[in-house]
PDB file of N, CA and C in Angstrom:
ATOM      1  N   MET A   1      75.150  62.916 142.254  1.00  0.00           N
ATOM      2  CA  MET A   1      75.041  62.332 143.582  1.00  0.00           C
ATOM      3  C   MET A   1      74.894  60.823 143.460  1.00  0.00           C
ATOM      4  N   SER A   2      75.368  60.137 144.441  1.00  0.00           N
ATOM      5  CA  SER A   2      75.340  58.686 144.456  1.00  0.00           C
ATOM      6  C   SER A   2      73.908  58.162 144.468  1.00  0.00           C
ATOM      7  N   GLU A   3      73.753  56.934 143.993  1.00  0.00           N
ATOM      8  CA  GLU A   3      72.449  56.282 144.010  1.00  0.00           C
ATOM      9  C   GLU A   3      72.092  55.814 145.418  1.00  0.00           C
ATOM     10  N   GLN A   4      73.063  55.804 146.324  1.00  0.00           N
ATOM     11  CA  GLN A   4      72.811  55.357 147.688  1.00  0.00           C
ATOM     12  C   GLN A   4      71.901  56.344 148.410  1.00  0.00           C
ATOM     13  N   THR A   5      71.133  55.815 149.345  1.00  0.00           N
ATOM     14  CA  THR A   5      70.280  56.672 150.159  1.00  0.00           C
ATOM     15  C   THR A   5      71.140  57.371 151.214  1.00  0.00           C
ATOM     16  N   VAL A   6      70.562  58.374 151.825  1.00  0.00           N
ATOM     17  CA  VAL A   6      71.249  59.072 152.910  1.00  0.00           C
ATOM     18  C   VAL A   6      71.608  58.068 153.997  1.00  0.00           C
ATOM     19  N   ALA A   7      70.675  57.199 154.350  1.00  0.00           N
ATOM     20  CA  ALA A   7      70.917  56.209 155.411  1.00  0.00           C
ATOM     21  C   ALA A   7      72.092  55.299 155.052  1.00  0.00           C
ATOM     22  N   GLU A   8      72.143  54.829 153.824  1.00  0.00           N
ATOM     23  CA  GLU A   8      73.239  53.947 153.405  1.00  0.00           C
ATOM     24  C   GLU A   8      74.581  54.675 153.484  1.00  0.00           C
ATOM     25  N   ARG A   9      74.584  55.933 153.073  1.00  0.00           N
ATOM     26  CA  ARG A   9      75.822  56.714 153.119  1.00  0.00           C
ATOM     27  C   ARG A   9      76.254  56.998 154.557  1.00  0.00           C
ATOM     28  N   VAL A  10      75.301  57.301 155.436  1.00  0.00           N
ATOM     29  CA  VAL A  10      75.632  57.539 156.846  1.00  0.00           C
ATOM     30  C   VAL A  10      76.194  56.256 157.460  1.00  0.00           C
ATOM     31  N   ILE A  11      75.548  55.134 157.199  1.00  0.00           N
ATOM     32  CA  ILE A  11      76.028  53.852 157.723  1.00  0.00           C
ATOM     33  C   ILE A  11      77.434  53.568 157.212  1.00  0.00           C
ATOM     34  N   LYS A  12      77.692  53.860 155.943  1.00  0.00           N
ATOM     35  CA  LYS A  12      79.027  53.653 155.381  1.00  0.00           C
ATOM     36  C   LYS A  12      80.066  54.508 156.109  1.00  0.00           C
ATOM     37  N   VAL A  13      79.729  55.774 156.395  1.00  0.00           N
ATOM     38  CA  VAL A  13      80.650  56.661 157.110  1.00  0.00           C
ATOM     39  C   VAL A  13      80.921  56.119 158.515  1.00  0.00           C
ATOM     40  N   PHE A  14      79.863  55.718 159.221  1.00  0.00           N
ATOM     41  CA  PHE A  14      80.027  55.153 160.561  1.00  0.00           C
ATOM     42  C   PHE A  14      80.908  53.899 160.513  1.00  0.00           C
ATOM     43  N   ALA A  15      80.630  53.008 159.565  1.00  0.00           N
ATOM     44  CA  ALA A  15      81.382  51.755 159.458  1.00  0.00           C
ATOM     45  C   ALA A  15      82.855  52.033 159.148  1.00  0.00           C
ATOM     46  N   ASN A  16      83.116  52.932 158.215  1.00  0.00           N
ATOM     47  CA  ASN A  16      84.507  53.274 157.891  1.00  0.00           C
ATOM     48  C   ASN A  16      85.205  53.906 159.086  1.00  0.00           C
ATOM     49  N   PHE A  17      84.490  54.759 159.796  1.00  0.00           N
ATOM     50  CA  PHE A  17      85.067  55.445 160.951  1.00  0.00           C
ATOM     51  C   PHE A  17      85.451  54.455 162.043  1.00  0.00           C
ATOM     52  N   LYS A  18      84.566  53.490 162.309  1.00  0.00           N
ATOM     53  CA  LYS A  18      84.815  52.497 163.360  1.00  0.00           C
ATOM     54  C   LYS A  18      85.570  51.264 162.843  1.00  0.00           C
ATOM     55  N   LYS A  19      85.810  51.233 161.525  1.00  0.00           N
ATOM     56  CA  LYS A  19      86.518  50.116 160.896  1.00  0.00           C
ATOM     57  C   LYS A  19      85.815  48.772 161.179  1.00  0.00           C
ATOM     58  N   VAL A  20      84.507  48.793 160.923  1.00  0.00           N
ATOM     59  CA  VAL A  20      83.698  47.580 161.058  1.00  0.00           C
ATOM     60  C   VAL A  20      82.898  47.406 159.770  1.00  0.00           C
ATOM     61  N   PRO A  21      82.417  46.193 159.504  1.00  0.00           N
ATOM     62  CA  PRO A  21      81.579  45.988 158.317  1.00  0.00           C
ATOM     63  C   PRO A  21      80.274  46.787 158.434  1.00  0.00           C
ATOM     64  N   PRO A  22      79.791  47.350 157.333  1.00  0.00           N
ATOM     65  CA  PRO A  22      78.545  48.127 157.375  1.00  0.00           C
ATOM     66  C   PRO A  22      77.358  47.341 157.928  1.00  0.00           C
ATOM     67  N   GLU A  23      77.392  46.014 157.794  1.00  0.00           N
ATOM     68  CA  GLU A  23      76.296  45.178 158.294  1.00  0.00           C
ATOM     69  C   GLU A  23      76.172  45.268 159.818  1.00  0.00           C
ATOM     70  N   GLU A  24      77.240  45.686 160.496  1.00  0.00           N
ATOM     71  CA  GLU A  24      77.209  45.798 161.956  1.00  0.00           C
ATOM     72  C   GLU A  24      76.569  47.108 162.422  1.00  0.00           C
ATOM     73  N   ILE A  25      76.328  48.022 161.493  1.00  0.00           N
ATOM     74  CA  ILE A  25      75.732  49.312 161.832  1.00  0.00           C
ATOM     75  C   ILE A  25      74.287  49.321 161.349  1.00  0.00           C
ATOM     76  N   THR A  26      73.361  49.622 162.256  1.00  0.00           N
ATOM     77  CA  THR A  26      71.945  49.708 161.891  1.00  0.00           C
ATOM     78  C   THR A  26      71.435  51.104 162.229  1.00  0.00           C
ATOM     79  N   MET A  27      70.211  51.379 161.872  1.00  0.00           N
ATOM     80  CA  MET A  27      69.610  52.669 162.198  1.00  0.00           C
ATOM     81  C   MET A  27      69.492  52.844 163.716  1.00  0.00           C
ATOM     82  N   GLU A  28      69.383  51.737 164.440  1.00  0.00           N
ATOM     83  CA  GLU A  28      69.232  51.794 165.895  1.00  0.00           C
ATOM     84  C   GLU A  28      70.571  51.935 166.626  1.00  0.00           C
ATOM     85  N   THR A  29      71.686  51.810 165.904  1.00  0.00           N
ATOM     86  CA  THR A  29      73.003  51.914 166.525  1.00  0.00           C
ATOM     87  C   THR A  29      73.185  53.305 167.121  1.00  0.00           C
ATOM     88  N   THR A  30      73.624  53.335 168.376  1.00  0.00           N
ATOM     89  CA  THR A  30      73.857  54.618 169.043  1.00  0.00           C
ATOM     90  C   THR A  30      75.351  54.915 169.095  1.00  0.00           C
ATOM     91  N   PHE A  31      75.659  56.188 169.285  1.00  0.00           N
ATOM     92  CA  PHE A  31      77.057  56.580 169.438  1.00  0.00           C
ATOM     93  C   PHE A  31      77.646  55.861 170.650  1.00  0.00           C
ATOM     94  N   GLU A  32      76.846  55.757 171.704  1.00  0.00           N
ATOM     95  CA  GLU A  32      77.299  55.099 172.930  1.00  0.00           C
ATOM     96  C   GLU A  32      77.638  53.633 172.678  1.00  0.00           C
ATOM     97  N   SER A  33      76.778  52.938 171.930  1.00  0.00           N
ATOM     98  CA  SER A  33      77.027  51.514 171.672  1.00  0.00           C
ATOM     99  C   SER A  33      78.286  51.302 170.830  1.00  0.00           C
ATOM    100  N   LEU A  34      78.680  52.329 170.089  1.00  0.00           N
ATOM    101  CA  LEU A  34      79.908  52.247 169.304  1.00  0.00           C
ATOM    102  C   LEU A  34      81.138  52.648 170.127  1.00  0.00           C
ATOM    103  N   GLY A  35      80.890  53.103 171.350  1.00  0.00           N
ATOM    104  CA  GLY A  35      81.988  53.514 172.214  1.00  0.00           C
ATOM    105  C   GLY A  35      82.623  54.822 171.798  1.00  0.00           C
ATOM    106  N   LEU A  36      81.821  55.709 171.207  1.00  0.00           N
ATOM    107  CA  LEU A  36      82.346  56.994 170.755  1.00  0.00           C
ATOM    108  C   LEU A  36      82.422  57.985 171.909  1.00  0.00           C
ATOM    109  N   ASP A  37      83.576  58.601 172.090  1.00  0.00           N
ATOM    110  CA  ASP A  37      83.674  59.684 173.066  1.00  0.00           C
ATOM    111  C   ASP A  37      83.412  60.997 172.338  1.00  0.00           C
ATOM    112  N   SER A  38      83.500  62.116 173.037  1.00  0.00           N
ATOM    113  CA  SER A  38      83.146  63.399 172.432  1.00  0.00           C
ATOM    114  C   SER A  38      84.080  63.749 171.274  1.00  0.00           C
ATOM    115  N   LEU A  39      85.354  63.420 171.372  1.00  0.00           N
ATOM    116  CA  LEU A  39      86.288  63.701 170.283  1.00  0.00           C
ATOM    117  C   LEU A  39      85.963  62.842 169.067  1.00  0.00           C
ATOM    118  N   ASP A  40      85.655  61.564 169.305  1.00  0.00           N
ATOM    119  CA  ASP A  40      85.238  60.694 168.198  1.00  0.00           C
ATOM    120  C   ASP A  40      83.988  61.248 167.527  1.00  0.00           C
ATOM    121  N   GLY A  41      83.038  61.701 168.354  1.00  0.00           N
ATOM    122  CA  GLY A  41      81.799  62.254 167.807  1.00  0.00           C
ATOM    123  C   GLY A  41      82.061  63.461 166.929  1.00  0.00           C
ATOM    124  N   LEU A  42      82.967  64.317 167.375  1.00  0.00           N
ATOM    125  CA  LEU A  42      83.320  65.498 166.590  1.00  0.00           C
ATOM    126  C   LEU A  42      83.963  65.103 165.272  1.00  0.00           C
ATOM    127  N   ASN A  43      84.881  64.152 165.330  1.00  0.00           N
ATOM    128  CA  ASN A  43      85.531  63.686 164.101  1.00  0.00           C
ATOM    129  C   ASN A  43      84.545  63.008 163.166  1.00  0.00           C
ATOM    130  N   LEU A  44      83.601  62.278 163.730  1.00  0.00           N
ATOM    131  CA  LEU A  44      82.573  61.636 162.921  1.00  0.00           C
ATOM    132  C   LEU A  44      81.713  62.683 162.218  1.00  0.00           C
ATOM    133  N   VAL A  45      81.386  63.757 162.916  1.00  0.00           N
ATOM    134  CA  VAL A  45      80.608  64.843 162.310  1.00  0.00           C
ATOM    135  C   VAL A  45      81.376  65.434 161.126  1.00  0.00           C
ATOM    136  N   PHE A  46      82.679  65.619 161.292  1.00  0.00           N
ATOM    137  CA  PHE A  46      83.484  66.133 160.176  1.00  0.00           C
ATOM    138  C   PHE A  46      83.435  65.182 158.987  1.00  0.00           C
ATOM    139  N   GLU A  47      83.477  63.888 159.252  1.00  0.00           N
ATOM    140  CA  GLU A  47      83.391  62.890 158.177  1.00  0.00           C
ATOM    141  C   GLU A  47      82.036  62.979 157.458  1.00  0.00           C
ATOM    142  N   LEU A  48      80.964  63.129 158.250  1.00  0.00           N
ATOM    143  CA  LEU A  48      79.627  63.246 157.651  1.00  0.00           C
ATOM    144  C   LEU A  48      79.523  64.529 156.826  1.00  0.00           C
ATOM    145  N   GLU A  49      80.079  65.618 157.333  1.00  0.00           N
ATOM    146  CA  GLU A  49      80.046  66.880 156.591  1.00  0.00           C
ATOM    147  C   GLU A  49      80.775  66.732 155.254  1.00  0.00           C
ATOM    148  N   GLU A  50      81.894  66.039 155.280  1.00  0.00           N
ATOM    149  CA  GLU A  50      82.649  65.834 154.048  1.00  0.00           C
ATOM    150  C   GLU A  50      81.880  64.945 153.074  1.00  0.00           C
ATOM    151  N   GLU A  51      81.295  63.873 153.581  1.00  0.00           N
ATOM    152  CA  GLU A  51      80.542  62.937 152.735  1.00  0.00           C
ATOM    153  C   GLU A  51      79.385  63.638 152.018  1.00  0.00           C
ATOM    154  N   PHE A  52      78.689  64.518 152.751  1.00  0.00           N
ATOM    155  CA  PHE A  52      77.488  65.153 152.196  1.00  0.00           C
ATOM    156  C   PHE A  52      77.720  66.589 151.729  1.00  0.00           C
ATOM    157  N   ASP A  53      78.940  67.086 151.888  1.00  0.00           N
ATOM    158  CA  ASP A  53      79.288  68.454 151.498  1.00  0.00           C
ATOM    159  C   ASP A  53      78.311  69.455 152.121  1.00  0.00           C
ATOM    160  N   ILE A  54      78.158  69.319 153.435  1.00  0.00           N
ATOM    161  CA  ILE A  54      77.271  70.200 154.197  1.00  0.00           C
ATOM    162  C   ILE A  54      77.990  70.669 155.448  1.00  0.00           C
ATOM    163  N   MET A  55      77.401  71.640 156.121  1.00  0.00           N
ATOM    164  CA  MET A  55      77.881  72.109 157.412  1.00  0.00           C
ATOM    165  C   MET A  55      76.789  71.762 158.415  1.00  0.00           C
ATOM    166  N   ILE A  56      77.137  71.025 159.452  1.00  0.00           N
ATOM    167  CA  ILE A  56      76.159  70.612 160.454  1.00  0.00           C
ATOM    168  C   ILE A  56      76.262  71.569 161.638  1.00  0.00           C
ATOM    169  N   PRO A  57      75.224  72.385 161.872  1.00  0.00           N
ATOM    170  CA  PRO A  57      75.268  73.326 162.997  1.00  0.00           C
ATOM    171  C   PRO A  57      75.360  72.589 164.337  1.00  0.00           C
ATOM    172  N   ASP A  58      75.978  73.250 165.311  1.00  0.00           N
ATOM    173  CA  ASP A  58      76.195  72.639 166.621  1.00  0.00           C
ATOM    174  C   ASP A  58      74.904  72.160 167.270  1.00  0.00           C
ATOM    175  N   ASP A  59      73.802  72.913 167.089  1.00  0.00           N
ATOM    176  CA  ASP A  59      72.548  72.484 167.724  1.00  0.00           C
ATOM    177  C   ASP A  59      72.058  71.166 167.128  1.00  0.00           C
ATOM    178  N   LYS A  60      72.330  70.930 165.849  1.00  0.00           N
ATOM    179  CA  LYS A  60      71.959  69.650 165.222  1.00  0.00           C
ATOM    180  C   LYS A  60      72.887  68.535 165.695  1.00  0.00           C
ATOM    181  N   VAL A  61      74.179  68.858 165.847  1.00  0.00           N
ATOM    182  CA  VAL A  61      75.146  67.864 166.316  1.00  0.00           C
ATOM    183  C   VAL A  61      74.740  67.355 167.684  1.00  0.00           C
ATOM    184  N   GLN A  62      74.352  68.253 168.566  1.00  0.00           N
ATOM    185  CA  GLN A  62      74.000  67.881 169.930  1.00  0.00           C
ATOM    186  C   GLN A  62      72.774  66.978 169.985  1.00  0.00           C
ATOM    187  N   MET A  63      71.937  67.030 168.960  1.00  0.00           N
ATOM    188  CA  MET A  63      70.736  66.199 168.934  1.00  0.00           C
ATOM    189  C   MET A  63      71.017  64.799 168.386  1.00  0.00           C
ATOM    190  N   MET A  64      72.167  64.610 167.753  1.00  0.00           N
ATOM    191  CA  MET A  64      72.487  63.323 167.142  1.00  0.00           C
ATOM    192  C   MET A  64      73.102  62.377 168.159  1.00  0.00           C
ATOM    193  N   LYS A  65      72.364  61.329 168.491  1.00  0.00           N
ATOM    194  CA  LYS A  65      72.850  60.325 169.445  1.00  0.00           C
ATOM    195  C   LYS A  65      72.816  58.918 168.847  1.00  0.00           C
ATOM    196  N   SER A  66      72.307  58.810 167.615  1.00  0.00           N
ATOM    197  CA  SER A  66      72.206  57.501 166.964  1.00  0.00           C
ATOM    198  C   SER A  66      72.322  57.687 165.456  1.00  0.00           C
ATOM    199  N   VAL A  67      72.459  56.575 164.766  1.00  0.00           N
ATOM    200  CA  VAL A  67      72.507  56.614 163.306  1.00  0.00           C
ATOM    201  C   VAL A  67      71.204  57.209 162.769  1.00  0.00           C
ATOM    202  N   ALA A  68      70.067  56.792 163.323  1.00  0.00           N
ATOM    203  CA  ALA A  68      68.766  57.297 162.851  1.00  0.00           C
ATOM    204  C   ALA A  68      68.679  58.814 163.012  1.00  0.00           C
ATOM    205  N   GLU A  69      69.147  59.334 164.147  1.00  0.00           N
ATOM    206  CA  GLU A  69      69.103  60.782 164.371  1.00  0.00           C
ATOM    207  C   GLU A  69      70.062  61.514 163.436  1.00  0.00           C
ATOM    208  N   ALA A  70      71.213  60.901 163.153  1.00  0.00           N
ATOM    209  CA  ALA A  70      72.149  61.508 162.193  1.00  0.00           C
ATOM    210  C   ALA A  70      71.516  61.559 160.811  1.00  0.00           C
ATOM    211  N   VAL A  71      70.869  60.477 160.419  1.00  0.00           N
ATOM    212  CA  VAL A  71      70.199  60.437 159.109  1.00  0.00           C
ATOM    213  C   VAL A  71      69.108  61.508 159.038  1.00  0.00           C
ATOM    214  N   GLU A  72      68.272  61.593 160.081  1.00  0.00           N
ATOM    215  CA  GLU A  72      67.197  62.595 160.106  1.00  0.00           C
ATOM    216  C   GLU A  72      67.760  64.008 160.002  1.00  0.00           C
ATOM    217  N   GLY A  73      68.814  64.282 160.770  1.00  0.00           N
ATOM    218  CA  GLY A  73      69.420  65.608 160.750  1.00  0.00           C
ATOM    219  C   GLY A  73      70.005  65.953 159.399  1.00  0.00           C
ATOM    220  N   ILE A  74      70.692  64.998 158.791  1.00  0.00           N
ATOM    221  CA  ILE A  74      71.305  65.239 157.483  1.00  0.00           C
ATOM    222  C   ILE A  74      70.235  65.403 156.417  1.00  0.00           C
ATOM    223  N   GLU A  75      69.199  64.585 156.466  1.00  0.00           N
ATOM    224  CA  GLU A  75      68.102  64.741 155.491  1.00  0.00           C
ATOM    225  C   GLU A  75      67.474  66.128 155.621  1.00  0.00           C
ATOM    226  N   TRP A  76      67.299  66.611 156.856  1.00  0.00           N
ATOM    227  CA  TRP A  76      66.734  67.943 157.074  1.00  0.00           C
ATOM    228  C   TRP A  76      67.661  69.003 156.486  1.00  0.00           C
ATOM    229  N   LEU A  77      68.961  68.873 156.747  1.00  0.00           N
ATOM    230  CA  LEU A  77      69.916  69.858 156.231  1.00  0.00           C
ATOM    231  C   LEU A  77      69.986  69.848 154.706  1.00  0.00           C
ATOM    232  N   LEU A  78      69.877  68.677 154.118  1.00  0.00           N
ATOM    233  CA  LEU A  78      69.894  68.593 152.652  1.00  0.00           C
ATOM    234  C   LEU A  78      68.645  69.233 152.045  1.00  0.00           C
ATOM    235  N   ALA A  79      67.527  69.119 152.747  1.00  0.00           N
ATOM    236  CA  ALA A  79      66.272  69.714 152.272  1.00  0.00           C
ATOM    237  C   ALA A  79      66.199  71.206 152.581  1.00  0.00           C
ATOM    238  N   ASN A  80      66.988  71.667 153.563  1.00  0.00           N
ATOM    239  CA  ASN A  80      66.974  73.067 153.999  1.00  0.00           C
ATOM    240  C   ASN A  80      68.404  73.606 154.046  1.00  0.00           C
ATOM    241  N   PRO A  81      69.041  73.710 152.882  1.00  0.00           N
ATOM    242  CA  PRO A  81      70.451  74.115 152.883  1.00  0.00           C
ATOM    243  C   PRO A  81      70.648  75.526 153.422  1.00  0.00           C
ATOM    244  N   VAL A  82      71.783  75.702 154.062  1.00  0.00           N
ATOM    245  CA  VAL A  82      72.148  77.030 154.551  1.00  0.00           C
ATOM    246  C   VAL A  82      72.769  77.762 153.369  1.00  0.00           C
ATOM    247  N   ASP A  83      72.009  78.697 152.798  1.00  0.00           N
ATOM    248  CA  ASP A  83      72.540  79.416 151.648  1.00  0.00           C
ATOM    249  C   ASP A  83      72.860  80.869 152.011  1.00  0.00           C
ATOM    250  N   ASN A  84      72.740  81.178 153.260  1.00  0.00           N
ATOM    251  CA  ASN A  84      73.004  82.519 153.730  1.00  0.00           C
ATOM    252  C   ASN A  84      74.444  82.573 154.235  1.00  0.00           C
ATOM    253  N   ALA A  85      75.285  83.373 153.604  1.00  0.00           N
ATOM    254  CA  ALA A  85      76.693  83.464 153.973  1.00  0.00           C
ATOM    255  C   ALA A  85      76.862  83.898 155.424  1.00  0.00           C
ATOM    256  N   ALA A  86      76.013  84.797 155.900  1.00  0.00           N
ATOM    257  CA  ALA A  86      76.112  85.265 157.279  1.00  0.00           C
ATOM    258  C   ALA A  86      75.819  84.119 158.250  1.00  0.00           C
ATOM    259  N   GLU A  87      74.833  83.285 157.935  1.00  0.00           N
ATOM    260  CA  GLU A  87      74.508  82.139 158.791  1.00  0.00           C
ATOM    261  C   GLU A  87      75.670  81.148 158.806  1.00  0.00           C
ATOM    262  N   MET A  88      76.273  80.915 157.648  1.00  0.00           N
ATOM    263  CA  MET A  88      77.413  80.004 157.570  1.00  0.00           C
ATOM    264  C   MET A  88      78.578  80.543 158.392  1.00  0.00           C
ATOM    265  N   GLU A  89      78.819  81.843 158.308  1.00  0.00           N
ATOM    266  CA  GLU A  89      79.894  82.460 159.081  1.00  0.00           C
ATOM    267  C   GLU A  89      79.628  82.313 160.579  1.00  0.00           C
ATOM    268  N   LYS A  90      78.365  82.477 160.970  1.00  0.00           N
ATOM    269  CA  LYS A  90      77.992  82.327 162.381  1.00  0.00           C
ATOM    270  C   LYS A  90      78.284  80.907 162.859  1.00  0.00           C
ATOM    271  N   ILE A  91      77.941  79.919 162.053  1.00  0.00           N
ATOM    272  CA  ILE A  91      78.191  78.521 162.404  1.00  0.00           C
ATOM    273  C   ILE A  91      79.685  78.274 162.562  1.00  0.00           C
ATOM    274  N   LEU A  92      80.464  78.790 161.633  1.00  0.00           N
ATOM    275  CA  LEU A  92      81.913  78.599 161.705  1.00  0.00           C
ATOM    276  C   LEU A  92      82.506  79.274 162.935  1.00  0.00           C
ATOM    277  N   LYS A  93      82.007  80.464 163.260  1.00  0.00           N
ATOM    278  CA  LYS A  93      82.494  81.174 164.449  1.00  0.00           C
ATOM    279  C   LYS A  93      82.131  80.403 165.714  1.00  0.00           C
ATOM    280  N   GLU A  94      80.914  79.877 165.770  1.00  0.00           N
ATOM    281  CA  GLU A  94      80.504  79.098 166.936  1.00  0.00           C
ATOM    282  C   GLU A  94      81.434  77.916 167.138  1.00  0.00           C
ATOM    283  N   ARG A  95      81.789  77.267 166.041  1.00  0.00           N
ATOM    284  CA  ARG A  95      82.687  76.125 166.126  1.00  0.00           C
ATOM    285  C   ARG A  95      84.057  76.530 166.643  1.00  0.00           C
ATOM    286  N   ALA A  96      84.503  77.686 166.210  1.00  0.00           N
ATOM    287  CA  ALA A  96      85.836  78.151 166.598  1.00  0.00           C
ATOM    288  C   ALA A  96      85.829  78.808 167.973  1.00  0.00           C
ATOM    289  N   GLY A  97      84.634  79.002 168.531  1.00  0.00           N
ATOM    290  CA  GLY A  97      84.530  79.628 169.842  1.00  0.00           C
ATOM    291  C   GLY A  97      84.752  81.125 169.800  1.00  0.00           C
ATOM    292  N   ILE A  98      84.537  81.720 168.643  1.00  0.00           N
ATOM    293  CA  ILE A  98      84.725  83.160 168.481  1.00  0.00           C
ATOM    294  C   ILE A  98      83.402  83.856 168.713  1.00  0.00           C
ATOM    295  N   LYS A  99      83.422  84.923 169.495  1.00  0.00           N
ATOM    296  CA  LYS A  99      82.211  85.691 169.754  1.00  0.00           C
ATOM    297  C   LYS A  99      81.831  86.483 168.514  1.00  0.00           C
ATOM    298  N   ASP A 100      80.552  86.832 168.442  1.00  0.00           N
ATOM    299  CA  ASP A 100      80.099  87.699 167.363  1.00  0.00           C
ATOM    300  C   ASP A 100      80.894  88.991 167.374  1.00  0.00           C
ATOM    301  N   LYS A 101      81.056  89.584 166.218  1.00  0.00           N
ATOM    302  CA  LYS A 101      81.818  90.815 166.093  1.00  0.00           C
ATOM    303  C   LYS A 101      81.295  91.887 167.043  1.00  0.00           C
ATOM    304  N   GLU A 102      79.993  91.983 167.192  1.00  0.00           N
ATOM    305  CA  GLU A 102      79.415  92.991 168.082  1.00  0.00           C
ATOM    306  C   GLU A 102      79.892  92.766 169.515  1.00  0.00           C
ATOM    307  N   GLU A 103      79.927  91.522 169.943  1.00  0.00           N
ATOM    308  CA  GLU A 103      80.379  91.229 171.300  1.00  0.00           C
ATOM    309  C   GLU A 103      81.866  91.531 171.442  1.00  0.00           C
ATOM    310  N   ALA A 104      82.623  91.182 170.416  1.00  0.00           N
ATOM    311  CA  ALA A 104      84.063  91.393 170.469  1.00  0.00           C
ATOM    312  C   ALA A 104      84.414  92.876 170.465  1.00  0.00           C
ATOM    313  N   ASP A 105      83.595  93.695 169.774  1.00  0.00           N
ATOM    314  CA  ASP A 105      83.860  95.124 169.675  1.00  0.00           C
ATOM    315  C   ASP A 105      83.295  95.910 170.851  1.00  0.00           C
ATOM    316  N   ALA A 106      82.491  95.264 171.677  1.00  0.00           N
ATOM    317  CA  ALA A 106      81.872  95.964 172.809  1.00  0.00           C
ATOM    318  C   ALA A 106      82.952  96.417 173.776  1.00  0.00           C
ATOM    319  N   PRO A 107      82.769  97.595 174.354  1.00  0.00           N
ATOM    320  CA  PRO A 107      83.782  98.070 175.300  1.00  0.00           C
ATOM    321  C   PRO A 107      83.856  97.163 176.520  1.00  0.00           C
ATOM    322  N   SER A 108      85.046  96.970 176.981  1.00  0.00           N
ATOM    323  CA  SER A 108      85.262  96.126 178.150  1.00  0.00           C
ATOM    324  C   SER A 108      84.852  96.857 179.401  1.00  0.00           C
ATOM    325  N   THR A 109      84.315  96.116 180.353  1.00  0.00           N
ATOM    326  CA  THR A 109      83.938  96.720 181.624  1.00  0.00           C
ATOM    327  C   THR A 109      85.129  96.755 182.570  1.00  0.00           C
ATOM    328  N   GLU A 110      86.218  96.144 182.107  1.00  0.00           N
ATOM    329  CA  GLU A 110      87.419  96.102 182.905  1.00  0.00           C
ATOM    330  C   GLU A 110      88.191  97.398 182.718  1.00  0.00           C
ATOM    331  N   THR A 111      88.739  97.967 183.779  1.00  0.00           N
ATOM    332  CA  THR A 111      89.523  99.183 183.673  1.00  0.00           C
ATOM    333  C   THR A 111      90.991  98.837 183.795  1.00  0.00           C
ATOM    334  N   GLU A 112      91.829  99.746 183.423  1.00  0.00           N
ATOM    335  CA  GLU A 112      93.267  99.522 183.528  1.00  0.00           C
ATOM    336  C   GLU A 112      93.650  99.184 184.961  1.00  0.00           C
ATOM    337  N   ASP A 113      93.012  99.842 185.945  1.00  0.00           N
ATOM    338  CA  ASP A 113      93.363  99.611 187.342  1.00  0.00           C
ATOM    339  C   ASP A 113      92.982  98.212 187.811  1.00  0.00           C
ATOM    340  N   SER A 114      91.940  97.616 187.194  1.00  0.00           N
ATOM    341  CA  SER A 114      91.493  96.303 187.645  1.00  0.00           C
ATOM    342  C   SER A 114      92.269  95.162 186.998  1.00  0.00           C
ATOM    343  N   LYS A 115      93.155  95.475 186.084  1.00  0.00           N
ATOM    344  CA  LYS A 115      93.933  94.420 185.385  1.00  0.00           C
ATOM    345  C   LYS A 115      95.102  93.965 186.204  1.00  0.00           C
TER     346      LYS A 115
END
């Protein structure tokens, strides 16, 4: 792993993403101040996941509104890795908008006549 701190690496990802010098990004920098829309935010999350080789659950993504919050979330994930394959699958399904298998296999309340 790099000698850089989590904060330095997050700032580097933000700076590369926005194509600005890292000195322009601080811990207090917010997604809003960078002019990030929801698609930019999603792409930025993918960049952070790649940088740290982690999967960021949607509930953590929704809490990230600044560089400091991204750093805190990533530090938490690095200290508490998801090592459960079922949990990882659940996260991936949530991202893809796929219902749990139990929900998908549940009988439909719709009848042929109502279609």
